[in-house]
Amino acid sequence: ASGTTFSINGFNWYRQAPGKKRELVATISSGGSTNYADSLKG
C-alpha cells in the first residue's frame, strides 16, 4: 500500500473465480486480529 498511514488501516483479501461473485477470504485489523472464511481456515 501507498498513500495511507498503513499501520492504522485494516485490510482484506477477496477472490473472484470465473463466473462467480467476489468473496471474502481473510481480514486483518490494524492491531493484527484476523478472520477467515470458514472454508479456508487452516
Full PDB file with SEQRES, HELIX, SHEET, SSBOND, CRYST1, ORIGX, SCALE, CONECT and MASTER records, all heavy atoms in Angstrom:
SEQRES   1 A   42  ALA SER GLY THR THR PHE SER ILE ASN GLY PHE ASN TRP          
SEQRES   2 A   42  TYR ARG GLN ALA PRO GLY LYS LYS ARG GLU LEU VAL ALA          
SEQRES   3 A   42  THR ILE SER SER GLY GLY SER THR ASN TYR ALA ASP SER          
SEQRES   4 A   42  LEU LYS GLY                                                  
HELIX    1 AA1 PHE A    6  ILE A    8  5                                   3    
HELIX    2 AA2 ASP A   38  LEU A   40  5                                   3    
SHEET    1 AA1 3 PHE A  11  ARG A  15  0                                        
SHEET    2 AA1 3 GLU A  23  ILE A  28 -1                                        
SHEET    3 AA1 3 THR A  34  TYR A  36 -1                                        
CRYST1    1.000    1.000    1.000  90.00  90.00  90.00 P 1           1          
ORIGX1      1.000000  0.000000  0.000000        0.00000                         
ORIGX2      0.000000  1.000000  0.000000        0.00000                         
ORIGX3      0.000000  0.000000  1.000000        0.00000                         
SCALE1      1.000000  0.000000  0.000000        0.00000                         
SCALE2      0.000000  1.000000  0.000000        0.00000                         
SCALE3      0.000000  0.000000  1.000000        0.00000                         
ATOM      1  N   ALA A   1       0.825  -1.208   0.000  1.00  0.00           N  
ATOM      2  CA  ALA A   1       0.000   0.000   0.000  1.00  0.00           C  
ATOM      3  C   ALA A   1       0.857   1.254   0.000  1.00  0.00           C  
ATOM      4  O   ALA A   1       1.946   1.285   0.586  1.00  0.00           O  
ATOM      5  CB  ALA A   1      -0.914   0.010   1.216  1.00  0.00           C  
ATOM      6  N   SER A   2       0.352   2.276  -0.640  1.00  0.00           N  
ATOM      7  CA  SER A   2       0.970   3.597  -0.601  1.00  0.00           C  
ATOM      8  C   SER A   2      -0.130   4.633  -0.467  1.00  0.00           C  
ATOM      9  O   SER A   2      -1.296   4.363  -0.745  1.00  0.00           O  
ATOM     10  CB  SER A   2       1.798   3.856  -1.860  1.00  0.00           C  
ATOM     11  OG  SER A   2       0.995   3.794  -3.015  1.00  0.00           O  
ATOM     12  N   GLY A   3       0.254   5.829  -0.007  1.00  0.00           N  
ATOM     13  CA  GLY A   3      -0.698   6.915   0.106  1.00  0.00           C  
ATOM     14  C   GLY A   3      -1.588   6.847   1.327  1.00  0.00           C  
ATOM     15  O   GLY A   3      -2.615   7.527   1.387  1.00  0.00           O  
ATOM     16  N   THR A   4      -1.204   6.036   2.309  1.00  0.00           N  
ATOM     17  CA  THR A   4      -2.005   5.909   3.514  1.00  0.00           C  
ATOM     18  C   THR A   4      -1.103   5.668   4.710  1.00  0.00           C  
ATOM     19  O   THR A   4       0.026   5.208   4.551  1.00  0.00           O  
ATOM     20  CB  THR A   4      -3.008   4.752   3.385  1.00  0.00           C  
ATOM     21  OG1 THR A   4      -3.715   4.601   4.621  1.00  0.00           O  
ATOM     22  CG2 THR A   4      -2.308   3.427   3.111  1.00  0.00           C  
ATOM     23  N   THR A   5      -1.625   5.996   5.897  1.00  0.00           N  
ATOM     24  CA  THR A   5      -0.912   5.660   7.126  1.00  0.00           C  
ATOM     25  C   THR A   5      -1.168   4.188   7.397  1.00  0.00           C  
ATOM     26  O   THR A   5      -2.098   3.810   8.108  1.00  0.00           O  
ATOM     27  CB  THR A   5      -1.402   6.537   8.291  1.00  0.00           C  
ATOM     28  OG1 THR A   5      -1.328   7.914   7.915  1.00  0.00           O  
ATOM     29  CG2 THR A   5      -0.550   6.300   9.516  1.00  0.00           C  
ATOM     30  N   PHE A   6      -0.334   3.372   6.837  1.00  0.00           N  
ATOM     31  CA  PHE A   6      -0.589   1.938   6.727  1.00  0.00           C  
ATOM     32  C   PHE A   6      -0.960   1.306   8.055  1.00  0.00           C  
ATOM     33  O   PHE A   6      -1.893   0.504   8.122  1.00  0.00           O  
ATOM     34  CB  PHE A   6       0.650   1.263   6.147  1.00  0.00           C  
ATOM     35  CG  PHE A   6       0.503  -0.211   5.944  1.00  0.00           C  
ATOM     36  CD1 PHE A   6      -0.005  -0.711   4.754  1.00  0.00           C  
ATOM     37  CD2 PHE A   6       0.872  -1.109   6.941  1.00  0.00           C  
ATOM     38  CE1 PHE A   6      -0.152  -2.070   4.557  1.00  0.00           C  
ATOM     39  CE2 PHE A   6       0.736  -2.466   6.749  1.00  0.00           C  
ATOM     40  CZ  PHE A   6       0.221  -2.952   5.553  1.00  0.00           C  
ATOM     41  N   SER A   7      -0.254   1.657   9.109  1.00  0.00           N  
ATOM     42  CA  SER A   7      -0.393   0.920  10.365  1.00  0.00           C  
ATOM     43  C   SER A   7      -1.764   1.054  11.001  1.00  0.00           C  
ATOM     44  O   SER A   7      -2.133   0.231  11.842  1.00  0.00           O  
ATOM     45  CB  SER A   7       0.681   1.371  11.353  1.00  0.00           C  
ATOM     46  OG  SER A   7       0.524   2.747  11.649  1.00  0.00           O  
ATOM     47  N   ILE A   8      -2.527   2.055  10.617  1.00  0.00           N  
ATOM     48  CA  ILE A   8      -3.838   2.240  11.255  1.00  0.00           C  
ATOM     49  C   ILE A   8      -4.967   1.635  10.438  1.00  0.00           C  
ATOM     50  O   ILE A   8      -6.127   1.718  10.832  1.00  0.00           O  
ATOM     51  CB  ILE A   8      -4.130   3.737  11.518  1.00  0.00           C  
ATOM     52  CG1 ILE A   8      -4.335   4.495  10.200  1.00  0.00           C  
ATOM     53  CG2 ILE A   8      -3.042   4.357  12.367  1.00  0.00           C  
ATOM     54  CD1 ILE A   8      -4.835   5.905  10.421  1.00  0.00           C  
ATOM     55  N   ASN A   9      -4.617   1.040   9.312  1.00  0.00           N  
ATOM     56  CA  ASN A   9      -5.654   0.506   8.430  1.00  0.00           C  
ATOM     57  C   ASN A   9      -5.816  -0.999   8.571  1.00  0.00           C  
ATOM     58  O   ASN A   9      -4.840  -1.727   8.759  1.00  0.00           O  
ATOM     59  CB  ASN A   9      -5.304   0.797   6.964  1.00  0.00           C  
ATOM     60  CG  ASN A   9      -5.192   2.280   6.678  1.00  0.00           C  
ATOM     61  OD1 ASN A   9      -4.227   2.740   6.093  1.00  0.00           O  
ATOM     62  ND2 ASN A   9      -6.176   3.038   7.114  1.00  0.00           N  
ATOM     63  N   GLY A  10      -7.063  -1.425   8.458  1.00  0.00           N  
ATOM     64  CA  GLY A  10      -7.325  -2.841   8.289  1.00  0.00           C  
ATOM     65  C   GLY A  10      -7.350  -3.172   6.809  1.00  0.00           C  
ATOM     66  O   GLY A  10      -7.590  -2.298   5.967  1.00  0.00           O  
ATOM     67  N   PHE A  11      -7.083  -4.428   6.484  1.00  0.00           N  
ATOM     68  CA  PHE A  11      -7.046  -4.858   5.087  1.00  0.00           C  
ATOM     69  C   PHE A  11      -7.784  -6.181   4.935  1.00  0.00           C  
ATOM     70  O   PHE A  11      -7.907  -6.954   5.895  1.00  0.00           O  
ATOM     71  CB  PHE A  11      -5.595  -5.024   4.605  1.00  0.00           C  
ATOM     72  CG  PHE A  11      -4.853  -3.734   4.496  1.00  0.00           C  
ATOM     73  CD1 PHE A  11      -4.225  -3.184   5.605  1.00  0.00           C  
ATOM     74  CD2 PHE A  11      -4.791  -3.052   3.289  1.00  0.00           C  
ATOM     75  CE1 PHE A  11      -3.552  -1.969   5.511  1.00  0.00           C  
ATOM     76  CE2 PHE A  11      -4.122  -1.851   3.184  1.00  0.00           C  
ATOM     77  CZ  PHE A  11      -3.497  -1.307   4.301  1.00  0.00           C  
ATOM     78  N   ASN A  12      -8.237  -6.401   3.723  1.00  0.00           N  
ATOM     79  CA  ASN A  12      -8.961  -7.620   3.410  1.00  0.00           C  
ATOM     80  C   ASN A  12      -8.419  -8.228   2.122  1.00  0.00           C  
ATOM     81  O   ASN A  12      -7.978  -7.501   1.223  1.00  0.00           O  
ATOM     82  CB  ASN A  12     -10.451  -7.324   3.193  1.00  0.00           C  
ATOM     83  CG  ASN A  12     -11.041  -6.494   4.301  1.00  0.00           C  
ATOM     84  OD1 ASN A  12     -11.101  -6.933   5.441  1.00  0.00           O  
ATOM     85  ND2 ASN A  12     -11.468  -5.274   3.980  1.00  0.00           N  
ATOM     86  N   TRP A  13      -8.479  -9.532   2.046  1.00  0.00           N  
ATOM     87  CA  TRP A  13      -8.258 -10.243   0.796  1.00  0.00           C  
ATOM     88  C   TRP A  13      -9.590 -10.809   0.321  1.00  0.00           C  
ATOM     89  O   TRP A  13     -10.321 -11.412   1.115  1.00  0.00           O  
ATOM     90  CB  TRP A  13      -7.264 -11.379   0.969  1.00  0.00           C  
ATOM     91  CG  TRP A  13      -5.835 -10.970   1.010  1.00  0.00           C  
ATOM     92  CD1 TRP A  13      -5.051 -10.820   2.118  1.00  0.00           C  
ATOM     93  CD2 TRP A  13      -4.995 -10.677  -0.113  1.00  0.00           C  
ATOM     94  NE1 TRP A  13      -3.787 -10.440   1.755  1.00  0.00           N  
ATOM     95  CE2 TRP A  13      -3.718 -10.343   0.395  1.00  0.00           C  
ATOM     96  CE3 TRP A  13      -5.190 -10.648  -1.494  1.00  0.00           C  
ATOM     97  CZ2 TRP A  13      -2.644  -9.997  -0.434  1.00  0.00           C  
ATOM     98  CZ3 TRP A  13      -4.133 -10.301  -2.318  1.00  0.00           C  
ATOM     99  CH2 TRP A  13      -2.872  -9.986  -1.785  1.00  0.00           C  
ATOM    100  N   TYR A  14      -9.878 -10.594  -0.952  1.00  0.00           N  
ATOM    101  CA  TYR A  14     -11.036 -11.171  -1.616  1.00  0.00           C  
ATOM    102  C   TYR A  14     -10.544 -12.000  -2.800  1.00  0.00           C  
ATOM    103  O   TYR A  14      -9.403 -11.860  -3.241  1.00  0.00           O  
ATOM    104  CB  TYR A  14     -11.958 -10.069  -2.150  1.00  0.00           C  
ATOM    105  CG  TYR A  14     -12.851  -9.437  -1.130  1.00  0.00           C  
ATOM    106  CD1 TYR A  14     -12.364  -8.507  -0.220  1.00  0.00           C  
ATOM    107  CD2 TYR A  14     -14.206  -9.753  -1.080  1.00  0.00           C  
ATOM    108  CE1 TYR A  14     -13.200  -7.913   0.713  1.00  0.00           C  
ATOM    109  CE2 TYR A  14     -15.055  -9.163  -0.152  1.00  0.00           C  
ATOM    110  CZ  TYR A  14     -14.545  -8.241   0.732  1.00  0.00           C  
ATOM    111  OH  TYR A  14     -15.373  -7.661   1.653  1.00  0.00           O  
ATOM    112  N   ARG A  15     -11.435 -12.806  -3.317  1.00  0.00           N  
ATOM    113  CA  ARG A  15     -11.115 -13.517  -4.550  1.00  0.00           C  
ATOM    114  C   ARG A  15     -12.372 -13.631  -5.405  1.00  0.00           C  
ATOM    115  O   ARG A  15     -13.491 -13.623  -4.888  1.00  0.00           O  
ATOM    116  CB  ARG A  15     -10.532 -14.898  -4.280  1.00  0.00           C  
ATOM    117  CG  ARG A  15     -11.508 -15.893  -3.680  1.00  0.00           C  
ATOM    118  CD  ARG A  15     -10.774 -17.208  -3.402  1.00  0.00           C  
ATOM    119  NE  ARG A  15     -11.682 -18.235  -2.899  1.00  0.00           N  
ATOM    120  CZ  ARG A  15     -11.282 -19.446  -2.525  1.00  0.00           C  
ATOM    121  NH1 ARG A  15      -9.987 -19.783  -2.595  1.00  0.00           N  
ATOM    122  NH2 ARG A  15     -12.158 -20.325  -2.079  1.00  0.00           N  
ATOM    123  N   GLN A  16     -12.143 -13.738  -6.697  1.00  0.00           N  
ATOM    124  CA  GLN A  16     -13.249 -13.901  -7.627  1.00  0.00           C  
ATOM    125  C   GLN A  16     -12.869 -14.935  -8.672  1.00  0.00           C  
ATOM    126  O   GLN A  16     -11.931 -14.724  -9.457  1.00  0.00           O  
ATOM    127  CB  GLN A  16     -13.618 -12.584  -8.297  1.00  0.00           C  
ATOM    128  CG  GLN A  16     -14.874 -12.666  -9.141  1.00  0.00           C  
ATOM    129  CD  GLN A  16     -15.427 -11.308  -9.507  1.00  0.00           C  
ATOM    130  OE1 GLN A  16     -14.717 -10.300  -9.472  1.00  0.00           O  
ATOM    131  NE2 GLN A  16     -16.690 -11.259  -9.862  1.00  0.00           N  
ATOM    132  N   ALA A  17     -13.598 -16.034  -8.654  1.00  0.00           N  
ATOM    133  CA  ALA A  17     -13.392 -17.090  -9.634  1.00  0.00           C  
ATOM    134  C   ALA A  17     -14.250 -16.804 -10.863  1.00  0.00           C  
ATOM    135  O   ALA A  17     -15.256 -16.089 -10.766  1.00  0.00           O  
ATOM    136  CB  ALA A  17     -13.760 -18.440  -9.027  1.00  0.00           C  
ATOM    137  N   PRO A  18     -13.897 -17.357 -12.000  1.00  0.00           N  
ATOM    138  CA  PRO A  18     -14.676 -17.119 -13.226  1.00  0.00           C  
ATOM    139  C   PRO A  18     -16.138 -17.481 -13.030  1.00  0.00           C  
ATOM    140  O   PRO A  18     -16.457 -18.581 -12.550  1.00  0.00           O  
ATOM    141  CB  PRO A  18     -14.007 -18.037 -14.241  1.00  0.00           C  
ATOM    142  CG  PRO A  18     -12.614 -18.198 -13.748  1.00  0.00           C  
ATOM    143  CD  PRO A  18     -12.714 -18.188 -12.255  1.00  0.00           C  
ATOM    144  N   GLY A  19     -17.013 -16.560 -13.360  1.00  0.00           N  
ATOM    145  CA  GLY A  19     -18.441 -16.814 -13.291  1.00  0.00           C  
ATOM    146  C   GLY A  19     -19.023 -16.774 -11.889  1.00  0.00           C  
ATOM    147  O   GLY A  19     -20.208 -17.100 -11.700  1.00  0.00           O  
ATOM    148  N   LYS A  20     -18.216 -16.399 -10.907  1.00  0.00           N  
ATOM    149  CA  LYS A  20     -18.699 -16.375  -9.525  1.00  0.00           C  
ATOM    150  C   LYS A  20     -18.577 -14.975  -8.932  1.00  0.00           C  
ATOM    151  O   LYS A  20     -17.845 -14.127  -9.445  1.00  0.00           O  
ATOM    152  CB  LYS A  20     -17.915 -17.375  -8.681  1.00  0.00           C  
ATOM    153  CG  LYS A  20     -18.124 -18.820  -9.081  1.00  0.00           C  
ATOM    154  CD  LYS A  20     -17.503 -19.768  -8.069  1.00  0.00           C  
ATOM    155  CE  LYS A  20     -17.793 -21.202  -8.421  1.00  0.00           C  
ATOM    156  NZ  LYS A  20     -17.211 -22.141  -7.422  1.00  0.00           N  
ATOM    157  N   LYS A  21     -19.292 -14.764  -7.848  1.00  0.00           N  
ATOM    158  CA  LYS A  21     -19.226 -13.488  -7.157  1.00  0.00           C  
ATOM    159  C   LYS A  21     -17.909 -13.375  -6.393  1.00  0.00           C  
ATOM    160  O   LYS A  21     -17.314 -14.382  -6.002  1.00  0.00           O  
ATOM    161  CB  LYS A  21     -20.391 -13.357  -6.164  1.00  0.00           C  
ATOM    162  CG  LYS A  21     -21.756 -13.263  -6.811  1.00  0.00           C  
ATOM    163  CD  LYS A  21     -22.838 -13.105  -5.748  1.00  0.00           C  
ATOM    164  CE  LYS A  21     -24.208 -12.991  -6.393  1.00  0.00           C  
ATOM    165  NZ  LYS A  21     -25.285 -12.858  -5.376  1.00  0.00           N  
ATOM    166  N   ARG A  22     -17.492 -12.132  -6.190  1.00  0.00           N  
ATOM    167  CA  ARG A  22     -16.308 -11.899  -5.385  1.00  0.00           C  
ATOM    168  C   ARG A  22     -16.613 -12.298  -3.942  1.00  0.00           C  
ATOM    169  O   ARG A  22     -17.662 -11.942  -3.396  1.00  0.00           O  
ATOM    170  CB  ARG A  22     -15.897 -10.427  -5.465  1.00  0.00           C  
ATOM    171  CG  ARG A  22     -14.517 -10.121  -4.958  1.00  0.00           C  
ATOM    172  CD  ARG A  22     -14.097  -8.709  -5.301  1.00  0.00           C  
ATOM    173  NE  ARG A  22     -13.952  -8.519  -6.742  1.00  0.00           N  
ATOM    174  CZ  ARG A  22     -13.405  -7.446  -7.289  1.00  0.00           C  
ATOM    175  NH1 ARG A  22     -12.961  -6.467  -6.518  1.00  0.00           N  
ATOM    176  NH2 ARG A  22     -13.319  -7.351  -8.604  1.00  0.00           N  
ATOM    177  N   GLU A  23     -15.698 -13.012  -3.302  1.00  0.00           N  
ATOM    178  CA  GLU A  23     -15.933 -13.476  -1.943  1.00  0.00           C  
ATOM    179  C   GLU A  23     -14.782 -13.082  -1.027  1.00  0.00           C  
ATOM    180  O   GLU A  23     -13.629 -13.013  -1.450  1.00  0.00           O  
ATOM    181  CB  GLU A  23     -16.129 -14.996  -1.913  1.00  0.00           C  
ATOM    182  CG  GLU A  23     -14.919 -15.803  -2.342  1.00  0.00           C  
ATOM    183  CD  GLU A  23     -15.102 -17.305  -2.159  1.00  0.00           C  
ATOM    184  OE1 GLU A  23     -16.090 -17.728  -1.517  1.00  0.00           O  
ATOM    185  OE2 GLU A  23     -14.246 -18.067  -2.652  1.00  0.00           O  
ATOM    186  N   LEU A  24     -15.144 -12.865   0.234  1.00  0.00           N  
ATOM    187  CA  LEU A  24     -14.152 -12.501   1.231  1.00  0.00           C  
ATOM    188  C   LEU A  24     -13.326 -13.734   1.610  1.00  0.00           C  
ATOM    189  O   LEU A  24     -13.879 -14.791   1.902  1.00  0.00           O  
ATOM    190  CB  LEU A  24     -14.840 -11.924   2.464  1.00  0.00           C  
ATOM    191  CG  LEU A  24     -13.944 -11.497   3.613  1.00  0.00           C  
ATOM    192  CD1 LEU A  24     -13.028 -10.357   3.207  1.00  0.00           C  
ATOM    193  CD2 LEU A  24     -14.794 -11.113   4.815  1.00  0.00           C  
ATOM    194  N   VAL A  25     -12.018 -13.554   1.643  1.00  0.00           N  
ATOM    195  CA  VAL A  25     -11.108 -14.639   2.002  1.00  0.00           C  
ATOM    196  C   VAL A  25     -10.618 -14.477   3.437  1.00  0.00           C  
ATOM    197  O   VAL A  25     -10.704 -15.403   4.243  1.00  0.00           O  
ATOM    198  CB  VAL A  25      -9.904 -14.657   1.035  1.00  0.00           C  
ATOM    199  CG1 VAL A  25      -8.846 -15.652   1.488  1.00  0.00           C  
ATOM    200  CG2 VAL A  25     -10.364 -14.973  -0.388  1.00  0.00           C  
ATOM    201  N   ALA A  26     -10.086 -13.280   3.749  1.00  0.00           N  
ATOM    202  CA  ALA A  26      -9.493 -13.064   5.066  1.00  0.00           C  
ATOM    203  C   ALA A  26      -9.419 -11.581   5.350  1.00  0.00           C  
ATOM    204  O   ALA A  26      -9.364 -10.763   4.424  1.00  0.00           O  
ATOM    205  CB  ALA A  26      -8.095 -13.680   5.140  1.00  0.00           C  
ATOM    206  N   THR A  27      -9.397 -11.254   6.639  1.00  0.00           N  
ATOM    207  CA  THR A  27      -9.268  -9.866   7.063  1.00  0.00           C  
ATOM    208  C   THR A  27      -8.210  -9.759   8.142  1.00  0.00           C  
ATOM    209  O   THR A  27      -7.979 -10.710   8.903  1.00  0.00           O  
ATOM    210  CB  THR A  27     -10.591  -9.310   7.610  1.00  0.00           C  
ATOM    211  OG1 THR A  27     -10.890  -9.965   8.845  1.00  0.00           O  
ATOM    212  CG2 THR A  27     -11.736  -9.535   6.646  1.00  0.00           C  
ATOM    213  N   ILE A  28      -7.587  -8.602   8.222  1.00  0.00           N  
ATOM    214  CA  ILE A  28      -6.643  -8.321   9.295  1.00  0.00           C  
ATOM    215  C   ILE A  28      -6.849  -6.881   9.737  1.00  0.00           C  
ATOM    216  O   ILE A  28      -6.936  -5.969   8.912  1.00  0.00           O  
ATOM    217  CB  ILE A  28      -5.191  -8.598   8.868  1.00  0.00           C  
ATOM    218  CG1 ILE A  28      -4.254  -8.505  10.078  1.00  0.00           C  
ATOM    219  CG2 ILE A  28      -4.740  -7.682   7.732  1.00  0.00           C  
ATOM    220  CD1 ILE A  28      -2.890  -9.148   9.835  1.00  0.00           C  
ATOM    221  N   SER A  29      -6.955  -6.703  11.058  1.00  0.00           N  
ATOM    222  CA  SER A  29      -7.178  -5.367  11.595  1.00  0.00           C  
ATOM    223  C   SER A  29      -5.856  -4.634  11.762  1.00  0.00           C  
ATOM    224  O   SER A  29      -4.772  -5.204  11.594  1.00  0.00           O  
ATOM    225  CB  SER A  29      -7.887  -5.469  12.937  1.00  0.00           C  
ATOM    226  OG  SER A  29      -6.993  -5.985  13.916  1.00  0.00           O  
ATOM    227  N   SER A  30      -5.953  -3.372  12.157  1.00  0.00           N  
ATOM    228  CA  SER A  30      -4.734  -2.598  12.401  1.00  0.00           C  
ATOM    229  C   SER A  30      -3.921  -3.201  13.531  1.00  0.00           C  
ATOM    230  O   SER A  30      -2.688  -3.110  13.538  1.00  0.00           O  
ATOM    231  CB  SER A  30      -5.092  -1.141  12.723  1.00  0.00           C  
ATOM    232  OG  SER A  30      -5.939  -1.081  13.859  1.00  0.00           O  
ATOM    233  N   GLY A  31      -4.601  -3.864  14.459  1.00  0.00           N  
ATOM    234  CA  GLY A  31      -3.908  -4.472  15.587  1.00  0.00           C  
ATOM    235  C   GLY A  31      -3.444  -5.891  15.333  1.00  0.00           C  
ATOM    236  O   GLY A  31      -2.840  -6.514  16.209  1.00  0.00           O  
ATOM    237  N   GLY A  32      -3.761  -6.406  14.128  1.00  0.00           N  
ATOM    238  CA  GLY A  32      -3.301  -7.743  13.775  1.00  0.00           C  
ATOM    239  C   GLY A  32      -4.314  -8.851  14.008  1.00  0.00           C  
ATOM    240  O   GLY A  32      -4.006 -10.024  13.773  1.00  0.00           O  
ATOM    241  N   SER A  33      -5.524  -8.520  14.437  1.00  0.00           N  
ATOM    242  CA  SER A  33      -6.552  -9.543  14.588  1.00  0.00           C  
ATOM    243  C   SER A  33      -6.979 -10.034  13.212  1.00  0.00           C  
ATOM    244  O   SER A  33      -7.103  -9.237  12.277  1.00  0.00           O  
ATOM    245  CB  SER A  33      -7.764  -8.977  15.324  1.00  0.00           C  
ATOM    246  OG  SER A  33      -7.403  -8.582  16.631  1.00  0.00           O  
ATOM    247  N   THR A  34      -7.222 -11.328  13.111  1.00  0.00           N  
ATOM    248  CA  THR A  34      -7.514 -11.926  11.811  1.00  0.00           C  
ATOM    249  C   THR A  34      -8.836 -12.681  11.827  1.00  0.00           C  
ATOM    250  O   THR A  34      -9.282 -13.182  12.871  1.00  0.00           O  
ATOM    251  CB  THR A  34      -6.396 -12.886  11.388  1.00  0.00           C  
ATOM    252  OG1 THR A  34      -6.269 -13.918  12.371  1.00  0.00           O  
ATOM    253  CG2 THR A  34      -5.073 -12.159  11.256  1.00  0.00           C  
ATOM    254  N   ASN A  35      -9.440 -12.758  10.654  1.00  0.00           N  
ATOM    255  CA  ASN A  35     -10.628 -13.576  10.443  1.00  0.00           C  
ATOM    256  C   ASN A  35     -10.538 -14.195   9.066  1.00  0.00           C  
ATOM    257  O   ASN A  35      -9.944 -13.623   8.152  1.00  0.00           O  
ATOM    258  CB  ASN A  35     -11.905 -12.738  10.561  1.00  0.00           C  
ATOM    259  CG  ASN A  35     -12.274 -12.477  12.003  1.00  0.00           C  
ATOM    260  OD1 ASN A  35     -12.690 -13.371  12.723  1.00  0.00           O  
ATOM    261  ND2 ASN A  35     -12.108 -11.245  12.440  1.00  0.00           N  
ATOM    262  N   TYR A  36     -11.170 -15.373   8.938  1.00  0.00           N  
ATOM    263  CA  TYR A  36     -11.101 -16.112   7.689  1.00  0.00           C  
ATOM    264  C   TYR A  36     -12.464 -16.629   7.291  1.00  0.00           C  
ATOM    265  O   TYR A  36     -13.322 -16.890   8.146  1.00  0.00           O  
ATOM    266  CB  TYR A  36     -10.156 -17.310   7.840  1.00  0.00           C  
ATOM    267  CG  TYR A  36      -8.751 -16.931   8.190  1.00  0.00           C  
ATOM    268  CD1 TYR A  36      -8.345 -16.837   9.514  1.00  0.00           C  
ATOM    269  CD2 TYR A  36      -7.815 -16.665   7.189  1.00  0.00           C  
ATOM    270  CE1 TYR A  36      -7.055 -16.462   9.843  1.00  0.00           C  
ATOM    271  CE2 TYR A  36      -6.522 -16.302   7.509  1.00  0.00           C  
ATOM    272  CZ  TYR A  36      -6.147 -16.197   8.830  1.00  0.00           C  
ATOM    273  OH  TYR A  36      -4.869 -15.836   9.150  1.00  0.00           O  
ATOM    274  N   ALA A  37     -12.638 -16.814   5.987  1.00  0.00           N  
ATOM    275  CA  ALA A  37     -13.799 -17.558   5.519  1.00  0.00           C  
ATOM    276  C   ALA A  37     -13.704 -18.959   6.112  1.00  0.00           C  
ATOM    277  O   ALA A  37     -12.621 -19.561   6.148  1.00  0.00           O  
ATOM    278  CB  ALA A  37     -13.796 -17.619   3.999  1.00  0.00           C  
ATOM    279  N   ASP A  38     -14.827 -19.457   6.582  1.00  0.00           N  
ATOM    280  CA  ASP A  38     -14.829 -20.754   7.272  1.00  0.00           C  
ATOM    281  C   ASP A  38     -14.199 -21.855   6.419  1.00  0.00           C  
ATOM    282  O   ASP A  38     -13.474 -22.711   6.940  1.00  0.00           O  
ATOM    283  CB  ASP A  38     -16.266 -21.144   7.636  1.00  0.00           C  
ATOM    284  CG  ASP A  38     -16.811 -20.321   8.793  1.00  0.00           C  
ATOM    285  OD1 ASP A  38     -16.000 -19.708   9.510  1.00  0.00           O  
ATOM    286  OD2 ASP A  38     -18.039 -20.300   8.964  1.00  0.00           O  
ATOM    287  N   SER A  39     -14.457 -21.832   5.144  1.00  0.00           N  
ATOM    288  CA  SER A  39     -13.986 -22.905   4.271  1.00  0.00           C  
ATOM    289  C   SER A  39     -12.473 -22.875   4.060  1.00  0.00           C  
ATOM    290  O   SER A  39     -11.893 -23.840   3.561  1.00  0.00           O  
ATOM    291  CB  SER A  39     -14.681 -22.805   2.906  1.00  0.00           C  
ATOM    292  OG  SER A  39     -14.365 -21.580   2.277  1.00  0.00           O  
ATOM    293  N   LEU A  40     -11.826 -21.767   4.454  1.00  0.00           N  
ATOM    294  CA  LEU A  40     -10.396 -21.612   4.195  1.00  0.00           C  
ATOM    295  C   LEU A  40      -9.545 -21.687   5.460  1.00  0.00           C  
ATOM    296  O   LEU A  40      -8.312 -21.671   5.373  1.00  0.00           O  
ATOM    297  CB  LEU A  40     -10.136 -20.279   3.494  1.00  0.00           C  
ATOM    298  CG  LEU A  40     -10.846 -20.106   2.160  1.00  0.00           C  
ATOM    299  CD1 LEU A  40     -10.613 -18.711   1.610  1.00  0.00           C  
ATOM    300  CD2 LEU A  40     -10.393 -21.149   1.163  1.00  0.00           C  
ATOM    301  N   LYS A  41     -10.194 -21.747   6.603  1.00  0.00           N  
ATOM    302  CA  LYS A  41      -9.440 -21.814   7.851  1.00  0.00           C  
ATOM    303  C   LYS A  41      -8.515 -23.025   7.863  1.00  0.00           C  
ATOM    304  O   LYS A  41      -8.901 -24.121   7.465  1.00  0.00           O  
ATOM    305  CB  LYS A  41     -10.408 -21.896   9.036  1.00  0.00           C  
ATOM    306  CG  LYS A  41     -11.116 -20.595   9.343  1.00  0.00           C  
ATOM    307  CD  LYS A  41     -12.062 -20.743  10.538  1.00  0.00           C  
ATOM    308  CE  LYS A  41     -12.806 -19.450  10.813  1.00  0.00           C  
ATOM    309  NZ  LYS A  41     -13.792 -19.590  11.908  1.00  0.00           N  
ATOM    310  N   GLY A  42      -7.295 -22.769   8.303  1.00  0.00           N  
ATOM    311  CA  GLY A  42      -6.327 -23.850   8.378  1.00  0.00           C  
ATOM    312  C   GLY A  42      -5.432 -23.958   7.161  1.00  0.00           C  
ATOM    313  O   GLY A  42      -4.360 -24.558   7.233  1.00  0.00           O  
TER     314      GLY A  42                                                      
MASTER        0    0    0    2    3    0    0    6  313    1    0    4          
END                                                                             
